[in-house]
N, C-alpha and C. Protein backbone atom coordinates (compact mmCIF):
# COMPACT_ATOMS: atom_id res chain seq x y z
N UNK A 1 1.07 -1.21 -0.02
CA UNK A 1 -0.04 -0.04 0.07
C UNK A 1 0.74 1.28 -0.09
N UNK A 2 2.19 1.26 0.50
CA UNK A 2 2.88 2.51 0.66
C UNK A 2 3.50 2.76 -0.58
N UNK A 3 3.61 1.79 -1.46
CA UNK A 3 4.26 2.03 -2.85
C UNK A 3 3.09 2.85 -3.65
N UNK A 4 1.81 2.60 -3.31
CA UNK A 4 0.76 3.08 -4.18
C UNK A 4 0.54 4.52 -3.85
N UNK A 5 0.89 4.81 -2.69
CA UNK A 5 0.79 6.24 -2.20
C UNK A 5 1.84 7.12 -2.68
N UNK A 6 2.89 6.54 -2.75
CA UNK A 6 4.09 7.17 -3.28
C UNK A 6 3.89 7.62 -5.04
N UNK A 7 3.16 6.71 -5.70
CA UNK A 7 2.70 7.02 -6.95
C UNK A 7 1.63 8.09 -7.03
N UNK A 8 0.55 7.71 -6.09
CA UNK A 8 -0.28 8.75 -6.08
C UNK A 8 0.45 10.28 -5.69
N UNK A 9 1.36 10.43 -4.97
CA UNK A 9 1.87 11.63 -4.55
C UNK A 9 2.56 12.16 -5.73
N UNK A 10 3.13 11.26 -6.60
CA UNK A 10 3.77 11.84 -7.67
C UNK A 10 2.99 12.11 -8.84
N UNK A 11 1.81 11.62 -9.08
CA UNK A 11 0.68 12.27 -10.07
C UNK A 11 0.16 13.45 -9.39
N UNK A 12 -0.25 13.57 -8.09
CA UNK A 12 -0.49 14.64 -7.34
C UNK A 12 0.09 15.83 -7.53
N UNK A 13 1.71 15.73 -7.62
CA UNK A 13 2.43 16.59 -7.60
C UNK A 13 2.90 17.11 -8.96
N UNK A 14 2.78 16.17 -9.87
CA UNK A 14 3.20 16.41 -11.25
C UNK A 14 1.98 15.73 -12.22
N UNK A 15 0.84 16.28 -12.22
CA UNK A 15 -0.15 15.66 -13.17
C UNK A 15 0.19 15.61 -14.53
N UNK A 16 0.72 16.48 -15.01
CA UNK A 16 1.26 16.35 -16.53
C UNK A 16 1.85 14.89 -16.79
N UNK A 17 2.60 14.39 -15.83
CA UNK A 17 2.99 13.15 -16.24
C UNK A 17 2.13 12.13 -16.84
N UNK A 18 0.78 12.17 -16.39
CA UNK A 18 -0.02 11.33 -16.54
C UNK A 18 -1.09 12.09 -17.79
N UNK A 19 -1.28 13.19 -17.53
CA UNK A 19 -2.61 13.83 -17.99
C UNK A 19 -2.16 14.71 -19.18
N UNK A 20 -0.86 14.86 -19.46
CA UNK A 20 -0.45 15.81 -20.66
C UNK A 20 0.14 14.76 -21.43
N UNK A 21 -0.01 14.79 -22.84
CA UNK A 21 0.41 14.10 -23.78
C UNK A 21 1.41 14.73 -24.91
N UNK A 22 1.98 15.82 -24.26
CA UNK A 22 2.96 16.53 -25.37
C UNK A 22 3.91 15.59 -25.23
N UNK A 23 4.50 14.88 -24.46
CA UNK A 23 5.56 13.81 -24.89
C UNK A 23 5.32 12.98 -25.77
N UNK A 24 3.83 12.43 -25.89
CA UNK A 24 3.75 11.46 -26.98
C UNK A 24 3.62 12.10 -28.42
N UNK A 25 3.53 13.65 -28.19
CA UNK A 25 3.25 14.47 -29.67
C UNK A 25 4.46 14.77 -30.02
N UNK A 26 5.71 15.16 -28.86
CA UNK A 26 6.98 15.44 -29.53
C UNK A 26 7.90 14.64 -28.54
N UNK A 27 8.25 13.61 -29.33
CA UNK A 27 9.24 12.91 -28.60
C UNK A 27 10.86 13.11 -29.31
N UNK A 28 11.28 13.69 -28.07
CA UNK A 28 12.74 14.27 -28.79
C UNK A 28 13.78 13.13 -28.94
N UNK A 29 14.67 13.21 -29.86
CA UNK A 29 15.70 12.13 -30.16
C UNK A 29 16.84 12.56 -29.08
N UNK A 30 17.05 13.96 -28.49
CA UNK A 30 18.22 14.36 -27.71
C UNK A 30 19.27 14.60 -28.50
N UNK A 31 19.10 14.80 -29.88
CA UNK A 31 20.39 14.97 -30.69
C UNK A 31 20.44 16.58 -31.05
N UNK A 32 21.52 17.16 -31.17
CA UNK A 32 21.70 18.51 -31.64
C UNK A 32 22.57 18.71 -32.74
N UNK A 33 22.34 17.70 -33.49
CA UNK A 33 23.31 17.75 -34.91
C UNK A 33 22.16 16.88 -35.44
N UNK A 34 22.40 17.22 -36.98
CA UNK A 34 21.12 16.61 -37.89
C UNK A 34 22.24 16.74 -39.21
N UNK A 35 23.47 16.26 -39.13
CA UNK A 35 24.19 16.18 -40.61
C UNK A 35 23.58 15.14 -41.34
N UNK A 36 23.91 15.53 -42.60
CA UNK A 36 23.53 14.46 -43.61
C UNK A 36 23.80 13.22 -43.54
N UNK A 37 25.21 12.91 -42.99
CA UNK A 37 26.13 11.91 -42.80
C UNK A 37 25.74 11.00 -41.70
N UNK A 38 25.14 11.72 -40.71
CA UNK A 38 24.71 11.00 -39.41
C UNK A 38 23.47 10.11 -39.38
N UNK A 39 23.69 9.22 -39.91
CA UNK A 39 22.55 8.08 -40.29
C UNK A 39 21.43 7.68 -39.41
N UNK A 40 21.82 7.64 -38.09
CA UNK A 40 20.77 7.11 -37.24
C UNK A 40 19.57 8.02 -36.93
N UNK A 41 19.65 9.32 -36.85
CA UNK A 41 18.57 10.32 -36.64
C UNK A 41 17.92 10.47 -37.96
N UNK A 42 18.64 10.14 -38.93
CA UNK A 42 17.93 10.55 -40.57
C UNK A 42 16.86 9.19 -40.93
N UNK A 43 17.30 7.98 -40.27
CA UNK A 43 16.59 6.76 -40.52
C UNK A 43 15.08 6.79 -39.57
N UNK A 44 15.42 7.51 -38.49
CA UNK A 44 14.23 7.84 -37.60
C UNK A 44 13.31 8.88 -38.22
N UNK A 45 13.85 9.74 -38.69
CA UNK A 45 13.01 10.78 -39.60
C UNK A 45 12.26 9.90 -40.72
N UNK A 46 13.01 8.92 -41.41
CA UNK A 46 12.45 8.37 -42.68
C UNK A 46 11.33 7.41 -42.15
N UNK A 47 11.61 6.85 -41.16
CA UNK A 47 10.41 5.99 -40.50
C UNK A 47 9.08 6.77 -39.97
N UNK A 48 9.22 7.86 -39.56
CA UNK A 48 8.17 8.84 -39.10
C UNK A 48 7.26 9.28 -40.16
N UNK A 49 7.86 9.48 -41.42
CA UNK A 49 6.99 9.61 -42.46
C UNK A 49 7.47 8.58 -43.59
N UNK A 50 6.67 7.48 -43.95
CA UNK A 50 7.09 6.52 -44.87
C UNK A 50 6.94 6.56 -46.05
N UNK A 51 5.89 7.63 -46.25
CA UNK A 51 5.96 7.79 -47.63
C UNK A 51 6.76 8.91 -48.48
N UNK A 52 7.65 9.80 -47.64
CA UNK A 52 8.66 10.67 -47.96
C UNK A 52 9.64 10.34 -48.61
N UNK A 53 9.76 10.68 -49.99
CA UNK A 53 11.13 10.44 -50.69
C UNK A 53 12.60 10.93 -50.21
N UNK A 54 12.31 12.15 -49.74
CA UNK A 54 13.30 12.91 -49.23
C UNK A 54 13.35 13.03 -47.57
N UNK A 55 14.41 13.22 -46.90
CA UNK A 55 14.30 13.59 -45.60
C UNK A 55 15.31 14.58 -45.31
N UNK A 56 14.87 15.70 -44.41
CA UNK A 56 15.76 16.82 -44.24
C UNK A 56 16.86 16.63 -43.42
N UNK A 57 17.79 17.45 -43.60
CA UNK A 57 19.28 17.12 -42.83
C UNK A 57 20.03 18.41 -42.98
N UNK A 58 20.81 18.72 -42.17
CA UNK A 58 21.76 19.77 -42.17
C UNK A 58 22.76 19.75 -43.17
N UNK A 59 22.90 20.31 -44.22
CA UNK A 59 23.81 19.98 -45.37
C UNK A 59 25.27 20.72 -45.08
N UNK A 60 25.25 21.95 -44.62
CA UNK A 60 26.27 22.57 -44.27
C UNK A 60 26.28 23.48 -42.71
N UNK A 61 27.25 23.23 -42.00
CA UNK A 61 27.46 24.02 -40.72
C UNK A 61 27.53 25.81 -40.92
N UNK A 62 26.65 26.30 -40.61
CA UNK A 62 26.76 27.94 -40.54
C UNK A 62 27.16 28.58 -39.31
N UNK A 63 27.93 29.59 -39.17
CA UNK A 63 28.07 30.08 -38.07
C UNK A 63 26.69 30.76 -37.44
N UNK A 64 26.45 30.35 -36.13
CA UNK A 64 25.26 31.12 -35.42
C UNK A 64 23.97 30.18 -35.35
N UNK A 65 24.03 29.19 -36.26
CA UNK A 65 22.91 28.31 -36.26
C UNK A 65 23.35 27.07 -35.52
N UNK A 66 22.23 26.54 -34.66
CA UNK A 66 22.38 25.31 -33.87
C UNK A 66 20.99 24.69 -34.08
N UNK A 67 20.89 23.15 -34.02
CA UNK A 67 19.86 22.45 -33.76
C UNK A 67 19.39 22.36 -32.60
N UNK A 68 18.41 22.99 -32.18
CA UNK A 68 18.02 22.97 -30.87
C UNK A 68 17.27 21.58 -30.50
N UNK A 69 16.63 20.92 -31.26
CA UNK A 69 15.69 19.86 -30.78
C UNK A 69 15.06 18.96 -32.34
N UNK A 70 15.22 17.64 -32.31
CA UNK A 70 14.62 17.15 -33.09
C UNK A 70 13.71 15.99 -32.61
N UNK A 71 12.33 16.09 -32.96
CA UNK A 71 11.43 15.17 -32.54
C UNK A 71 10.62 14.46 -33.51
N UNK A 72 10.52 13.18 -33.40
CA UNK A 72 9.88 12.27 -34.29
C UNK A 72 8.69 11.72 -33.97
N UNK A 73 7.72 11.61 -34.53
CA UNK A 73 6.58 10.60 -34.15
C UNK A 73 5.82 10.08 -35.49
N UNK A 74 4.85 9.17 -35.12
CA UNK A 74 4.20 8.68 -36.37
C UNK A 74 3.52 9.88 -37.12
N UNK A 75 4.00 9.91 -38.40
CA UNK A 75 3.49 10.84 -39.32
C UNK A 75 3.84 12.08 -39.47
N UNK A 76 5.08 12.39 -38.42
CA UNK A 76 5.74 13.54 -38.37
C UNK A 76 7.19 13.93 -37.73
N UNK A 77 7.86 14.76 -38.28
CA UNK A 77 9.37 15.00 -37.62
C UNK A 77 9.19 16.60 -37.57
N UNK A 78 9.76 16.86 -36.51
CA UNK A 78 9.89 18.50 -36.19
C UNK A 78 11.33 18.77 -35.57
N UNK A 79 11.86 19.68 -36.45
CA UNK A 79 13.11 20.17 -36.07
C UNK A 79 13.35 21.55 -35.76
N UNK A 80 13.59 21.98 -34.55
CA UNK A 80 13.85 23.27 -34.11
C UNK A 80 15.37 23.78 -34.19
N UNK A 81 15.54 24.90 -34.94
CA UNK A 81 16.62 25.59 -35.10
C UNK A 81 16.80 26.91 -34.61
N UNK A 82 17.86 27.02 -33.81
CA UNK A 82 18.10 28.33 -33.03
C UNK A 82 19.20 29.18 -33.84
N UNK A 83 19.27 30.51 -33.94
CA UNK A 83 20.02 31.42 -34.49
C UNK A 83 20.53 32.57 -33.85
N UNK A 84 21.71 32.64 -33.84
CA UNK A 84 22.29 33.66 -32.57
C UNK A 84 21.43 35.11 -33.18
N UNK A 85 21.69 35.56 -34.17
CA UNK A 85 20.85 36.77 -34.41
C UNK A 85 19.39 37.09 -34.44
N UNK A 86 18.76 35.79 -35.10
CA UNK A 86 17.49 35.80 -35.10
C UNK A 86 16.47 35.31 -33.79
N UNK A 87 17.43 34.37 -33.03
CA UNK A 87 16.85 33.96 -31.69
C UNK A 87 16.45 32.58 -31.66
N UNK A 88 15.83 32.08 -30.45
CA UNK A 88 15.67 30.66 -30.06
C UNK A 88 14.27 30.56 -31.20
N UNK A 89 14.48 29.38 -31.42
CA UNK A 89 13.37 28.82 -32.46
C UNK A 89 12.89 29.77 -33.41
N UNK A 90 13.97 30.24 -34.28
CA UNK A 90 14.12 31.25 -35.24
C UNK A 90 13.46 30.54 -36.29
N UNK A 91 13.62 28.97 -36.50
CA UNK A 91 13.09 28.02 -37.51
C UNK A 91 12.59 26.91 -37.12
N UNK A 92 11.15 26.38 -37.24
CA UNK A 92 10.79 25.36 -37.11
C UNK A 92 10.35 24.63 -37.97
N UNK A 93 10.82 23.56 -38.44
CA UNK A 93 10.46 22.64 -39.73
C UNK A 93 9.87 21.33 -39.70
N UNK A 94 8.76 21.06 -40.04
CA UNK A 94 8.07 19.94 -39.81
C UNK A 94 7.85 19.30 -41.20
N UNK A 95 8.36 17.94 -40.96
CA UNK A 95 8.37 16.91 -42.09
C UNK A 95 6.98 16.02 -42.04
N UNK A 96 6.06 16.06 -43.06
CA UNK A 96 5.02 15.19 -42.85
C UNK A 96 4.56 14.80 -44.30
N UNK A 97 3.59 13.85 -44.33
CA UNK A 97 3.26 13.20 -45.68
C UNK A 97 2.89 14.31 -46.78
N UNK A 98 2.27 15.28 -46.27
CA UNK A 98 1.50 16.59 -47.05
C UNK A 98 1.39 17.67 -46.37
N UNK A 99 0.98 18.99 -47.08
CA UNK A 99 0.63 20.11 -46.48
C UNK A 99 -0.02 21.05 -47.67
N UNK A 100 -0.55 22.15 -47.00
CA UNK A 100 -1.31 22.91 -47.72
C UNK A 100 -0.75 24.20 -47.96
N UNK A 101 -0.49 24.47 -49.12
CA UNK A 101 0.33 25.51 -49.68
C UNK A 101 -0.92 26.65 -50.33
N UNK A 102 -1.80 26.55 -49.67
CA UNK A 102 -2.73 27.61 -50.35
C UNK A 102 -2.13 29.32 -49.84
N UNK A 103 -2.41 30.01 -50.62
CA UNK A 103 -1.91 31.53 -50.29
C UNK A 103 -0.55 31.77 -50.55
N UNK A 104 0.26 30.78 -50.90
CA UNK A 104 1.69 30.67 -51.00
C UNK A 104 1.97 31.34 -52.52
N UNK A 105 3.26 31.53 -52.70
CA UNK A 105 3.60 31.87 -54.03
C UNK A 105 4.74 30.81 -54.45
N UNK A 106 4.94 30.31 -55.53
CA UNK A 106 5.85 29.33 -55.81
C UNK A 106 7.32 29.86 -56.30
N UNK A 107 8.34 29.59 -55.84
CA UNK A 107 9.60 30.04 -56.30
C UNK A 107 10.73 29.17 -56.61
N UNK A 108 11.61 29.51 -57.38
CA UNK A 108 12.77 28.44 -57.69
C UNK A 108 13.26 27.85 -56.65
N UNK A 109 13.79 26.66 -56.79
CA UNK A 109 14.56 25.74 -55.75
C UNK A 109 15.58 25.23 -56.55
N UNK A 110 16.75 24.82 -56.10
CA UNK A 110 17.97 24.18 -56.53
C UNK A 110 17.77 22.79 -56.51
N UNK A 111 16.98 22.26 -55.45
CA UNK A 111 16.99 20.81 -55.02
C UNK A 111 15.81 20.22 -56.14
N UNK A 112 16.62 19.20 -56.77
CA UNK A 112 15.61 18.42 -58.00
C UNK A 112 14.61 17.73 -57.19
N UNK A 113 13.29 17.65 -58.00
CA UNK A 113 12.09 17.08 -57.57
C UNK A 113 11.45 17.71 -56.37
N UNK A 114 11.91 18.84 -56.18
CA UNK A 114 11.13 19.48 -54.78
C UNK A 114 10.73 20.85 -55.48
N UNK A 115 9.30 21.19 -55.10
CA UNK A 115 8.91 22.38 -55.44
C UNK A 115 8.88 23.42 -54.41
N UNK A 116 8.95 24.63 -54.19
CA UNK A 116 9.09 25.28 -53.24
C UNK A 116 8.10 26.47 -52.95
N UNK A 117 7.52 26.80 -52.00
CA UNK A 117 6.45 27.77 -51.95
C UNK A 117 6.98 28.60 -50.65
N UNK A 118 6.33 29.79 -50.71
CA UNK A 118 6.56 30.63 -49.70
C UNK A 118 5.60 31.73 -49.55
N UNK A 119 5.33 32.26 -48.05
CA UNK A 119 4.47 33.36 -47.89
C UNK A 119 4.96 34.01 -46.91
N UNK A 120 5.15 35.38 -46.81
CA UNK A 120 5.94 36.25 -45.74
C UNK A 120 4.51 37.17 -45.02
N UNK A 121 4.63 36.83 -43.73
CA UNK A 121 3.69 37.52 -43.28
C UNK A 121 4.15 38.71 -42.67
N UNK A 122 3.53 40.19 -42.59
CA UNK A 122 3.83 41.22 -42.28
C UNK A 122 3.36 41.50 -40.80
N UNK A 123 4.28 41.74 -40.16
CA UNK A 123 4.13 41.87 -38.48
C UNK A 123 4.83 43.16 -38.19
N UNK A 124 4.32 43.97 -37.65
CA UNK A 124 5.23 45.07 -36.78
C UNK A 124 6.28 44.67 -35.95
N UNK A 125 7.54 45.05 -36.32
CA UNK A 125 8.59 44.80 -35.52
C UNK A 125 9.12 43.33 -35.45
N UNK A 126 8.73 42.53 -36.47
CA UNK A 126 8.83 41.07 -36.42
C UNK A 126 8.85 40.52 -37.81
N UNK A 127 9.40 39.41 -38.16
CA UNK A 127 9.88 38.56 -39.56
C UNK A 127 9.19 37.39 -39.18
N UNK A 128 7.86 37.07 -40.14
CA UNK A 128 7.40 36.09 -39.99
C UNK A 128 6.99 35.37 -41.43
N UNK A 129 7.41 34.07 -41.62
CA UNK A 129 7.11 33.74 -42.81
C UNK A 129 6.91 32.10 -43.09
N UNK A 130 6.30 31.64 -43.88
CA UNK A 130 5.87 30.10 -43.85
C UNK A 130 6.65 29.65 -45.31
N UNK A 131 7.40 28.56 -45.21
CA UNK A 131 7.98 28.11 -46.40
C UNK A 131 7.27 26.50 -46.72
N UNK A 132 7.18 26.25 -47.67
CA UNK A 132 7.20 24.80 -47.75
C UNK A 132 7.87 24.20 -49.23
N UNK A 133 8.26 23.05 -48.98
CA UNK A 133 9.15 22.39 -49.96
C UNK A 133 8.26 20.87 -50.30
N UNK A 134 7.79 20.94 -51.29
CA UNK A 134 7.03 19.57 -51.74
C UNK A 134 7.72 18.77 -52.48
N UNK A 135 7.69 17.38 -52.24
CA UNK A 135 8.45 16.19 -53.26
C UNK A 135 7.44 14.99 -53.10
N UNK A 136 8.00 14.23 -53.77
CA UNK A 136 6.91 12.98 -53.82
C UNK A 136 6.91 12.42 -52.26
N UNK A 137 5.48 12.41 -52.00
CA UNK A 137 5.22 11.51 -50.70
C UNK A 137 5.50 12.36 -49.47
N UNK A 138 5.83 13.48 -49.52
CA UNK A 138 6.21 14.20 -48.43
C UNK A 138 6.42 15.90 -48.77
N UNK A 139 6.23 16.56 -47.29
CA UNK A 139 6.48 18.02 -47.46
C UNK A 139 7.07 18.55 -46.22
N UNK A 140 8.13 19.43 -46.37
CA UNK A 140 8.48 20.15 -45.26
C UNK A 140 8.08 21.48 -45.24
N UNK A 141 7.56 21.80 -43.99
CA UNK A 141 6.86 23.02 -43.84
C UNK A 141 7.53 23.93 -42.80
N UNK A 142 8.04 24.95 -43.13
CA UNK A 142 9.06 25.98 -42.41
C UNK A 142 8.12 27.02 -41.44
N UNK A 143 8.47 27.10 -40.57
CA UNK A 143 7.93 28.69 -39.76
C UNK A 143 9.18 29.11 -39.31
N UNK A 144 9.24 30.24 -40.20
CA UNK A 144 10.21 31.11 -39.54
C UNK A 144 9.80 32.42 -38.97
N UNK A 145 10.39 32.86 -37.66
CA UNK A 145 9.81 33.87 -36.99
C UNK A 145 11.10 34.48 -36.31
N UNK A 146 11.01 35.81 -36.04
CA UNK A 146 12.10 36.46 -35.44
C UNK A 146 11.91 38.05 -34.89
N UNK A 147 11.66 38.36 -33.99
CA UNK A 147 11.44 39.77 -33.36
C UNK A 147 13.02 40.68 -33.34
N UNK A 148 14.09 39.72 -33.36
CA UNK A 148 15.52 40.42 -33.30
C UNK A 148 15.77 40.68 -34.58
N UNK A 149 15.60 40.07 -35.83
CA UNK A 149 15.74 40.27 -37.09
C UNK A 149 14.36 40.51 -37.90
N UNK A 150 13.93 41.55 -37.81
CA UNK A 150 12.98 42.13 -38.35
C UNK A 150 12.71 42.00 -40.00
N UNK A 151 13.95 42.12 -40.54
CA UNK A 151 14.08 41.91 -41.93
C UNK A 151 14.11 40.66 -42.50
N UNK A 152 14.30 39.78 -41.56
CA UNK A 152 14.51 38.37 -42.14
C UNK A 152 15.66 38.11 -42.77
N UNK A 153 16.62 38.63 -42.37
CA UNK A 153 18.26 38.32 -43.08
C UNK A 153 18.52 36.84 -42.81
N UNK A 154 18.20 36.27 -41.86
CA UNK A 154 18.53 34.92 -41.34
C UNK A 154 18.00 33.91 -42.50
N UNK A 155 16.82 34.21 -42.93
CA UNK A 155 16.17 33.28 -43.96
C UNK A 155 16.81 32.87 -45.35
N UNK A 156 17.71 34.02 -45.57
CA UNK A 156 18.64 33.55 -46.53
C UNK A 156 19.64 32.59 -46.45
N UNK A 157 19.99 32.19 -45.43
CA UNK A 157 21.18 31.08 -45.03
C UNK A 157 20.40 29.76 -45.01
N UNK A 158 18.85 29.85 -44.97
CA UNK A 158 18.61 28.51 -44.86
C UNK A 158 18.50 27.50 -46.28
N UNK A 159 18.53 27.87 -47.40
CA UNK A 159 18.95 26.75 -48.49
C UNK A 159 20.12 26.42 -48.38
N UNK A 160 21.40 27.04 -47.86
CA UNK A 160 22.69 26.66 -47.71
C UNK A 160 22.56 25.67 -46.39
N UNK A 161 21.80 25.86 -45.43
CA UNK A 161 22.10 25.19 -44.12
C UNK A 161 21.43 23.78 -44.27
N UNK A 162 20.06 23.92 -44.89
CA UNK A 162 19.39 22.35 -45.03
C UNK A 162 19.31 21.91 -46.31
N UNK A 163 19.40 20.68 -46.20
CA UNK A 163 19.36 19.98 -47.50
C UNK A 163 18.39 18.82 -47.33
N UNK A 164 18.70 17.73 -48.15
CA UNK A 164 17.71 16.29 -48.20
C UNK A 164 18.78 15.30 -48.58
N UNK A 165 18.48 14.21 -47.86
CA UNK A 165 19.02 13.06 -48.37
C UNK A 165 18.01 12.11 -48.99
N UNK A 166 18.22 11.46 -49.70
CA UNK A 166 16.97 10.59 -50.43
C UNK A 166 16.66 9.43 -49.35
N UNK A 167 15.47 8.95 -49.54
CA UNK A 167 15.19 7.45 -48.94
C UNK A 167 15.77 6.32 -49.49
N UNK A 168 15.83 6.58 -50.77
CA UNK A 168 16.78 5.30 -51.03
C UNK A 168 18.14 5.26 -50.67
N UNK A 169 19.02 6.43 -50.51
CA UNK A 169 19.96 6.28 -50.10
C UNK A 169 20.01 5.87 -48.70
N UNK A 170 19.15 6.19 -47.80
CA UNK A 170 19.16 5.74 -46.35
C UNK A 170 18.83 4.35 -46.33
N UNK A 171 17.87 3.86 -47.23
CA UNK A 171 17.50 2.44 -47.20
C UNK A 171 18.85 1.58 -47.62
N UNK A 172 19.67 2.02 -48.81
CA UNK A 172 20.90 1.32 -49.12
C UNK A 172 21.87 1.40 -47.99
N UNK A 173 21.85 2.50 -47.27
CA UNK A 173 22.89 2.61 -46.08
C UNK A 173 22.65 1.59 -44.86
N UNK A 174 21.26 1.65 -44.44
CA UNK A 174 20.93 0.43 -43.66
C UNK A 174 20.86 -0.66 -44.01
N UNK A 175 20.70 -1.05 -45.07
CA UNK A 175 20.98 -2.49 -45.56
C UNK A 175 22.27 -2.77 -45.84
N UNK A 176 23.25 -2.10 -46.13
CA UNK A 176 24.79 -2.25 -46.07
C UNK A 176 25.12 -2.57 -44.68
N UNK A 177 24.85 -1.61 -43.77
CA UNK A 177 25.38 -1.43 -42.24
C UNK A 177 25.00 -2.61 -41.56
N UNK A 178 23.92 -3.12 -41.80
CA UNK A 178 23.07 -4.22 -41.00
C UNK A 178 23.22 -5.70 -41.97
N UNK A 179 24.21 -5.64 -42.76
CA UNK A 179 24.15 -7.08 -43.68
C UNK A 179 22.82 -7.49 -44.02
N UNK A 180 22.11 -6.57 -44.52
CA UNK A 180 20.59 -6.85 -45.00
C UNK A 180 19.88 -7.38 -43.81
N UNK A 181 19.92 -7.48 -42.74
CA UNK A 181 19.28 -7.90 -41.42
C UNK A 181 17.97 -6.82 -41.17
N UNK A 182 18.24 -5.45 -41.73
CA UNK A 182 17.47 -4.55 -41.16
C UNK A 182 16.93 -3.89 -42.44
N UNK A 183 15.62 -3.48 -42.30
CA UNK A 183 14.98 -2.68 -43.63
C UNK A 183 14.39 -1.55 -43.10
N UNK A 184 14.72 -0.26 -43.92
CA UNK A 184 14.12 0.99 -43.50
C UNK A 184 12.37 0.85 -43.60
N UNK A 185 11.91 0.27 -44.74
CA UNK A 185 10.55 0.12 -44.82
C UNK A 185 10.12 -1.24 -44.81
N UNK A 186 9.37 -1.57 -43.65
CA UNK A 186 9.22 -2.82 -43.04
C UNK A 186 8.39 -3.54 -44.20
N UNK A 187 7.42 -3.17 -45.02
CA UNK A 187 6.87 -3.91 -46.10
C UNK A 187 7.55 -4.16 -47.37
N UNK A 188 8.96 -3.78 -47.36
CA UNK A 188 9.81 -4.26 -48.34
C UNK A 188 10.23 -5.52 -48.30
N UNK A 189 10.07 -6.01 -49.44
CA UNK A 189 10.27 -7.55 -50.06
C UNK A 189 11.68 -7.78 -49.50
N UNK A 190 11.93 -9.14 -49.27
CA UNK A 190 13.29 -9.60 -48.96
C UNK A 190 14.03 -10.41 -49.94
């Protein structure tokens, strides 16, 4: 009976442990790097959105940028980026199977097979924009926001910072590393 009271006290003092599902919605990988050559987090991203032909990664390290958080769940990955001039959570990127680009303007992109859309929102004393990269089976939605860089100068660095790796490359790397014992896509024929 004494152990039951301990659990009850824990729940009473911290009800979010039981009643808040934020942890279920945002399960952090506890990594602060998402390099395109660091395969383990990329495999988890790929598993979170099995339809996505591309998976986002940090292509180039740029001064002032840090990966604050990477969280994966069934159906999405959320990447939070801090920037020393634009502030904490300057960019939040969400990988999902699809996204709604209504009200955006399509702009050119360097990434093959990717269509890029943008919408800049005018806010007094702040920069706020939504970007979307659509590709077969997936979409990367960016929320850019800064009150310390109201012109959004930090945004021009994003195309150099973030890139993609293909699901096929991740699949091949996992097959090779595991001597064909593991499969990225469970429905894949053996």
